[in-house]
């Protein structure tokens, strides 16, 4: 039997927009742990960052504990002793083969683990439901916002110049050619 009050570890699930995936994979992992150990293993706590929808009672019944919604992070907490449970029908030879394959895969893995967009979306998904995301208008954010405002204004002016007439485009090309010639002359005679 698992003692109350001990924490084995936390499973943090990254996600973008789909709460169903988070709930599915959390339930799947608990089910696999129950199958692997042959014990009706119940977490001490299950929490999700997204708000509650239908089926809270069924989820609490499945996990064997109260399920918290609107938490700081998605997590599953087990008793510390759950880590010492033996695997049912463990195959030592298969274990050695799988460890060799996994170590080779880790050795070949590159250091890049995702795009900047993925990392930003994961951080925002954690902060937004709790009102912790703030915009800082100084430093890097101020620079980025300033550049965006400048480019946004220039695009509006350029859009007004694009009338769709060939003479407008010809005039623009002539102006660009004059700028290139002037730059070349300035470089040559300086």
C-alpha atoms as a PDB file:
ATOM      1  CA  UNK A   1       0.000   0.000   0.000  1.00  0.00           C
ATOM      2  CA  UNK A   2       1.200   3.508  -0.755  1.00  0.00           C
ATOM      3  CA  UNK A   3       1.650   5.824   2.210  1.00  0.00           C
ATOM      4  CA  UNK A   4      -0.152   9.145   2.209  1.00  0.00           C
ATOM      5  CA  UNK A   5       1.753  12.406   2.110  1.00  0.00           C
ATOM      6  CA  UNK A   6       4.799  11.258   0.153  1.00  0.00           C
ATOM      7  CA  UNK A   7       5.511  12.745  -3.250  1.00  0.00           C
ATOM      8  CA  UNK A   8       7.133  10.640  -5.959  1.00  0.00           C
ATOM      9  CA  UNK A   9       7.341  13.164  -8.751  1.00  0.00           C
ATOM     10  CA  UNK A  10       5.492  15.430 -11.103  1.00  0.00           C
ATOM     11  CA  UNK A  11       4.598  15.026 -14.703  1.00  0.00           C
ATOM     12  CA  UNK A  12       4.321  18.339 -16.516  1.00  0.00           C
ATOM     13  CA  UNK A  13       2.550  18.243 -19.847  1.00  0.00           C
ATOM     14  CA  UNK A  14       3.167  20.984 -22.391  1.00  0.00           C
ATOM     15  CA  UNK A  15       0.260  22.024 -24.529  1.00  0.00           C
ATOM     16  CA  UNK A  16      -0.975  24.777 -26.792  1.00  0.00           C
ATOM     17  CA  UNK A  17      -4.750  24.958 -27.029  1.00  0.00           C
ATOM     18  CA  UNK A  18      -6.245  21.490 -26.618  1.00  0.00           C
ATOM     19  CA  UNK A  19      -7.313  20.518 -23.110  1.00  0.00           C
ATOM     20  CA  UNK A  20      -8.565  17.134 -24.382  1.00  0.00           C
ATOM     21  CA  UNK A  21      -5.036  16.054 -25.277  1.00  0.00           C
ATOM     22  CA  UNK A  22      -3.738  16.917 -21.818  1.00  0.00           C
ATOM     23  CA  UNK A  23      -6.520  14.985 -20.088  1.00  0.00           C
ATOM     24  CA  UNK A  24      -6.137  12.017 -22.461  1.00  0.00           C
ATOM     25  CA  UNK A  25      -2.373  11.692 -22.035  1.00  0.00           C
ATOM     26  CA  UNK A  26      -2.574  12.123 -18.273  1.00  0.00           C
ATOM     27  CA  UNK A  27      -5.192   9.364 -18.005  1.00  0.00           C
ATOM     28  CA  UNK A  28      -3.168   7.180 -20.398  1.00  0.00           C
ATOM     29  CA  UNK A  29      -0.001   7.525 -18.339  1.00  0.00           C
ATOM     30  CA  UNK A  30      -1.834   6.642 -15.119  1.00  0.00           C
ATOM     31  CA  UNK A  31      -3.393   3.634 -16.881  1.00  0.00           C
ATOM     32  CA  UNK A  32       0.016   2.466 -18.142  1.00  0.00           C
ATOM     33  CA  UNK A  33       1.516   2.800 -14.658  1.00  0.00           C
ATOM     34  CA  UNK A  34      -1.324   0.686 -13.265  1.00  0.00           C
ATOM     35  CA  UNK A  35      -0.769  -1.954 -15.959  1.00  0.00           C
ATOM     36  CA  UNK A  36       3.015  -2.003 -15.514  1.00  0.00           C
ATOM     37  CA  UNK A  37       2.863  -2.403 -11.739  1.00  0.00           C
ATOM     38  CA  UNK A  38      -0.235  -4.597 -11.449  1.00  0.00           C
ATOM     39  CA  UNK A  39      -1.438  -2.298  -8.639  1.00  0.00           C
ATOM     40  CA  UNK A  40      -4.466  -0.028  -8.583  1.00  0.00           C
ATOM     41  CA  UNK A  41      -2.127   2.939  -8.403  1.00  0.00           C
ATOM     42  CA  UNK A  42      -3.900   6.201  -7.581  1.00  0.00           C
ATOM     43  CA  UNK A  43      -2.175   9.566  -7.686  1.00  0.00           C
ATOM     44  CA  UNK A  44      -2.349  11.742  -4.594  1.00  0.00           C
ATOM     45  CA  UNK A  45      -3.167  14.787  -6.671  1.00  0.00           C
ATOM     46  CA  UNK A  46      -4.065  15.556 -10.282  1.00  0.00           C
ATOM     47  CA  UNK A  47      -4.277  19.151 -11.470  1.00  0.00           C
ATOM     48  CA  UNK A  48      -4.849  20.813 -14.819  1.00  0.00           C
ATOM     49  CA  UNK A  49      -4.129  24.412 -15.837  1.00  0.00           C
ATOM     50  CA  UNK A  50      -7.295  24.713 -17.932  1.00  0.00           C
ATOM     51  CA  UNK A  51     -10.738  25.433 -16.420  1.00  0.00           C
ATOM     52  CA  UNK A  52     -13.161  22.625 -15.603  1.00  0.00           C
ATOM     53  CA  UNK A  53     -15.718  21.438 -18.110  1.00  0.00           C
ATOM     54  CA  UNK A  54     -18.101  18.452 -17.912  1.00  0.00           C
ATOM     55  CA  UNK A  55     -17.077  15.121 -16.374  1.00  0.00           C
ATOM     56  CA  UNK A  56     -15.194  16.289 -13.274  1.00  0.00           C
ATOM     57  CA  UNK A  57     -16.842  13.592 -11.121  1.00  0.00           C
ATOM     58  CA  UNK A  58     -15.915  10.846 -13.605  1.00  0.00           C
ATOM     59  CA  UNK A  59     -12.308  12.036 -13.736  1.00  0.00           C
ATOM     60  CA  UNK A  60     -12.036  12.092  -9.938  1.00  0.00           C
ATOM     61  CA  UNK A  61     -13.456   8.571  -9.843  1.00  0.00           C
ATOM     62  CA  UNK A  62     -10.967   7.339 -12.475  1.00  0.00           C
ATOM     63  CA  UNK A  63      -7.905   8.881 -10.844  1.00  0.00           C
ATOM     64  CA  UNK A  64      -9.010   7.993  -7.310  1.00  0.00           C
ATOM     65  CA  UNK A  65      -8.443  11.527  -5.987  1.00  0.00           C
ATOM     66  CA  UNK A  66      -9.874  15.007  -6.371  1.00  0.00           C
ATOM     67  CA  UNK A  67      -8.958  16.647  -9.667  1.00  0.00           C
ATOM     68  CA  UNK A  68      -8.083  20.348  -9.510  1.00  0.00           C
ATOM     69  CA  UNK A  69      -8.755  22.638 -12.462  1.00  0.00           C
ATOM     70  CA  UNK A  70      -7.346  26.123 -13.038  1.00  0.00           C
ATOM     71  CA  UNK A  71      -4.074  25.174 -11.296  1.00  0.00           C
ATOM     72  CA  UNK A  72      -0.673  26.754 -11.893  1.00  0.00           C
ATOM     73  CA  UNK A  73       0.465  23.755 -13.987  1.00  0.00           C
ATOM     74  CA  UNK A  74      -0.650  20.356 -15.242  1.00  0.00           C
ATOM     75  CA  UNK A  75       0.696  17.757 -12.833  1.00  0.00           C
ATOM     76  CA  UNK A  76       0.204  14.287 -11.440  1.00  0.00           C
ATOM     77  CA  UNK A  77       1.606  13.617  -7.970  1.00  0.00           C
ATOM     78  CA  UNK A  78       2.177  10.071  -6.720  1.00  0.00           C
ATOM     79  CA  UNK A  79       3.366   8.772  -3.372  1.00  0.00           C
ATOM     80  CA  UNK A  80       7.153   8.429  -3.137  1.00  0.00           C
ATOM     81  CA  UNK A  81       6.834   4.691  -2.610  1.00  0.00           C
ATOM     82  CA  UNK A  82       5.231   4.312  -6.067  1.00  0.00           C
ATOM     83  CA  UNK A  83       8.727   4.554  -7.524  1.00  0.00           C
ATOM     84  CA  UNK A  84       9.722   1.369  -5.689  1.00  0.00           C
ATOM     85  CA  UNK A  85       6.899  -0.802  -7.048  1.00  0.00           C
ATOM     86  CA  UNK A  86       8.158  -3.751  -9.114  1.00  0.00           C
ATOM     87  CA  UNK A  87       7.161  -4.190 -12.732  1.00  0.00           C
ATOM     88  CA  UNK A  88       4.854  -7.122 -13.408  1.00  0.00           C
ATOM     89  CA  UNK A  89       6.325  -9.628 -15.885  1.00  0.00           C
ATOM     90  CA  UNK A  90       9.523  -7.587 -16.326  1.00  0.00           C
ATOM     91  CA  UNK A  91      11.839  -8.867 -19.068  1.00  0.00           C
ATOM     92  CA  UNK A  92      15.493  -8.122 -18.169  1.00  0.00           C
ATOM     93  CA  UNK A  93      16.781  -8.934 -21.676  1.00  0.00           C
ATOM     94  CA  UNK A  94      14.260  -6.595 -23.323  1.00  0.00           C
ATOM     95  CA  UNK A  95      15.167  -3.939 -20.745  1.00  0.00           C
ATOM     96  CA  UNK A  96      18.879  -4.128 -21.671  1.00  0.00           C
ATOM     97  CA  UNK A  97      18.078  -3.948 -25.409  1.00  0.00           C
ATOM     98  CA  UNK A  98      15.780  -0.945 -24.948  1.00  0.00           C
ATOM     99  CA  UNK A  99      18.296   0.888 -22.770  1.00  0.00           C
ATOM    100  CA  UNK A 100      20.976   0.423 -25.445  1.00  0.00           C
ATOM    101  CA  UNK A 101      18.646   1.730 -28.163  1.00  0.00           C
ATOM    102  CA  UNK A 102      17.537   4.707 -26.049  1.00  0.00           C
ATOM    103  CA  UNK A 103      21.094   5.670 -25.104  1.00  0.00           C
ATOM    104  CA  UNK A 104      22.101   5.588 -28.786  1.00  0.00           C
ATOM    105  CA  UNK A 105      19.107   7.782 -29.687  1.00  0.00           C
ATOM    106  CA  UNK A 106      19.982  10.294 -26.966  1.00  0.00           C
ATOM    107  CA  UNK A 107      23.603  10.423 -28.166  1.00  0.00           C
ATOM    108  CA  UNK A 108      22.424  11.251 -31.738  1.00  0.00           C
ATOM    109  CA  UNK A 109      19.930  13.881 -30.597  1.00  0.00           C
ATOM    110  CA  UNK A 110      20.709  17.493 -31.379  1.00  0.00           C
ATOM    111  CA  UNK A 111      20.645  20.174 -28.708  1.00  0.00           C
ATOM    112  CA  UNK A 112      17.792  22.130 -30.363  1.00  0.00           C
ATOM    113  CA  UNK A 113      14.520  20.928 -28.848  1.00  0.00           C
ATOM    114  CA  UNK A 114      11.951  23.215 -30.407  1.00  0.00           C
ATOM    115  CA  UNK A 115      11.331  26.499 -32.016  1.00  0.00           C
ATOM    116  CA  UNK A 116      11.186  29.792 -30.195  1.00  0.00           C
ATOM    117  CA  UNK A 117       7.507  29.943 -31.055  1.00  0.00           C
ATOM    118  CA  UNK A 118       6.855  26.600 -29.327  1.00  0.00           C
ATOM    119  CA  UNK A 119       8.683  27.684 -26.186  1.00  0.00           C
ATOM    120  CA  UNK A 120       6.860  31.027 -26.092  1.00  0.00           C
ATOM    121  CA  UNK A 121       3.449  29.390 -26.616  1.00  0.00           C
ATOM    122  CA  UNK A 122       4.149  26.898 -23.825  1.00  0.00           C
ATOM    123  CA  UNK A 123       5.074  29.703 -21.424  1.00  0.00           C
ATOM    124  CA  UNK A 124       2.052  31.787 -22.399  1.00  0.00           C
ATOM    125  CA  UNK A 125      -0.260  28.784 -21.950  1.00  0.00           C
ATOM    126  CA  UNK A 126       0.917  28.547 -18.332  1.00  0.00           C
ATOM    127  CA  UNK A 127       0.653  32.281 -17.554  1.00  0.00           C
ATOM    128  CA  UNK A 128      -2.500  33.470 -19.342  1.00  0.00           C
ATOM    129  CA  UNK A 129      -5.217  31.532 -17.465  1.00  0.00           C
ATOM    130  CA  UNK A 130      -3.977  33.024 -14.192  1.00  0.00           C
ATOM    131  CA  UNK A 131      -3.493  36.629 -15.315  1.00  0.00           C
ATOM    132  CA  UNK A 132       0.279  36.501 -14.774  1.00  0.00           C
ATOM    133  CA  UNK A 133       1.319  37.495 -18.312  1.00  0.00           C
ATOM    134  CA  UNK A 134       2.315  41.161 -18.521  1.00  0.00           C
ATOM    135  CA  UNK A 135       3.705  43.308 -21.303  1.00  0.00           C
ATOM    136  CA  UNK A 136       6.822  45.242 -20.380  1.00  0.00           C
ATOM    137  CA  UNK A 137       7.111  48.389 -22.506  1.00  0.00           C
ATOM    138  CA  UNK A 138      10.782  48.900 -21.665  1.00  0.00           C
ATOM    139  CA  UNK A 139      13.926  47.185 -22.849  1.00  0.00           C
ATOM    140  CA  UNK A 140      13.544  44.545 -25.540  1.00  0.00           C
ATOM    141  CA  UNK A 141       9.731  44.778 -25.630  1.00  0.00           C
ATOM    142  CA  UNK A 142       9.900  48.545 -26.065  1.00  0.00           C
ATOM    143  CA  UNK A 143      12.391  48.162 -28.917  1.00  0.00           C
ATOM    144  CA  UNK A 144      10.254  45.521 -30.647  1.00  0.00           C
ATOM    145  CA  UNK A 145       7.070  47.560 -30.182  1.00  0.00           C
ATOM    146  CA  UNK A 146       8.803  50.690 -31.506  1.00  0.00           C
ATOM    147  CA  UNK A 147      10.047  48.919 -34.624  1.00  0.00           C
ATOM    148  CA  UNK A 148       6.597  47.414 -35.198  1.00  0.00           C
ATOM    149  CA  UNK A 149       4.942  50.841 -34.893  1.00  0.00           C
ATOM    150  CA  UNK A 150       7.473  52.372 -37.283  1.00  0.00           C
ATOM    151  CA  UNK A 151       7.049  49.606 -39.874  1.00  0.00           C
ATOM    152  CA  UNK A 152       3.285  49.645 -39.459  1.00  0.00           C
ATOM    153  CA  UNK A 153       3.169  53.363 -40.210  1.00  0.00           C
ATOM    154  CA  UNK A 154       5.456  53.068 -43.221  1.00  0.00           C
ATOM    155  CA  UNK A 155       3.370  50.239 -44.670  1.00  0.00           C
ATOM    156  CA  UNK A 156       0.274  52.462 -44.499  1.00  0.00           C
ATOM    157  CA  UNK A 157       2.065  55.210 -46.411  1.00  0.00           C
ATOM    158  CA  UNK A 158       3.365  52.757 -49.017  1.00  0.00           C
ATOM    159  CA  UNK A 159      -0.102  51.280 -49.465  1.00  0.00           C
ATOM    160  CA  UNK A 160      -1.472  54.708 -50.401  1.00  0.00           C
ATOM    161  CA  UNK A 161       1.274  55.074 -53.049  1.00  0.00           C
ATOM    162  CA  UNK A 162       0.314  51.778 -54.696  1.00  0.00           C
ATOM    163  CA  UNK A 163      -2.505  52.886 -56.950  1.00  0.00           C
ATOM    164  CA  UNK A 164      -2.313  50.028 -59.439  1.00  0.00           C
ATOM    165  CA  UNK A 165      -1.270  52.281 -62.315  1.00  0.00           C
ATOM    166  CA  UNK A 166       1.861  51.386 -64.314  1.00  0.00           C
ATOM    167  CA  UNK A 167       3.084  54.984 -64.203  1.00  0.00           C
ATOM    168  CA  UNK A 168       3.235  54.807 -60.349  1.00  0.00           C
ATOM    169  CA  UNK A 169       5.396  51.678 -60.476  1.00  0.00           C
ATOM    170  CA  UNK A 170       7.612  53.171 -63.206  1.00  0.00           C
ATOM    171  CA  UNK A 171       8.106  56.297 -61.104  1.00  0.00           C
ATOM    172  CA  UNK A 172       8.996  54.146 -58.067  1.00  0.00           C
ATOM    173  CA  UNK A 173      11.540  52.177 -60.125  1.00  0.00           C
ATOM    174  CA  UNK A 174      13.050  55.412 -61.476  1.00  0.00           C
ATOM    175  CA  UNK A 175      13.346  56.783 -57.927  1.00  0.00           C
ATOM    176  CA  UNK A 176      15.036  53.577 -56.734  1.00  0.00           C
ATOM    177  CA  UNK A 177      17.458  53.648 -59.682  1.00  0.00           C
ATOM    178  CA  UNK A 178      18.393  57.264 -58.912  1.00  0.00           C
ATOM    179  CA  UNK A 179      19.064  56.288 -55.260  1.00  0.00           C
ATOM    180  CA  UNK A 180      21.303  53.375 -56.314  1.00  0.00           C
ATOM    181  CA  UNK A 181      23.304  55.564 -58.750  1.00  0.00           C
ATOM    182  CA  UNK A 182      23.656  58.286 -56.107  1.00  0.00           C
ATOM    183  CA  UNK A 183      24.910  55.731 -53.553  1.00  0.00           C
ATOM    184  CA  UNK A 184      27.442  54.311 -56.024  1.00  0.00           C
ATOM    185  CA  UNK A 185      28.731  57.800 -56.891  1.00  0.00           C
ATOM    186  CA  UNK A 186      28.973  58.714 -53.203  1.00  0.00           C
ATOM    187  CA  UNK A 187      31.031  55.609 -52.488  1.00  0.00           C
ATOM    188  CA  UNK A 188      33.282  56.124 -55.507  1.00  0.00           C
ATOM    189  CA  UNK A 189      34.079  59.809 -54.798  1.00  0.00           C
ATOM    190  CA  UNK A 190      34.364  59.630 -51.041  1.00  0.00           C
END
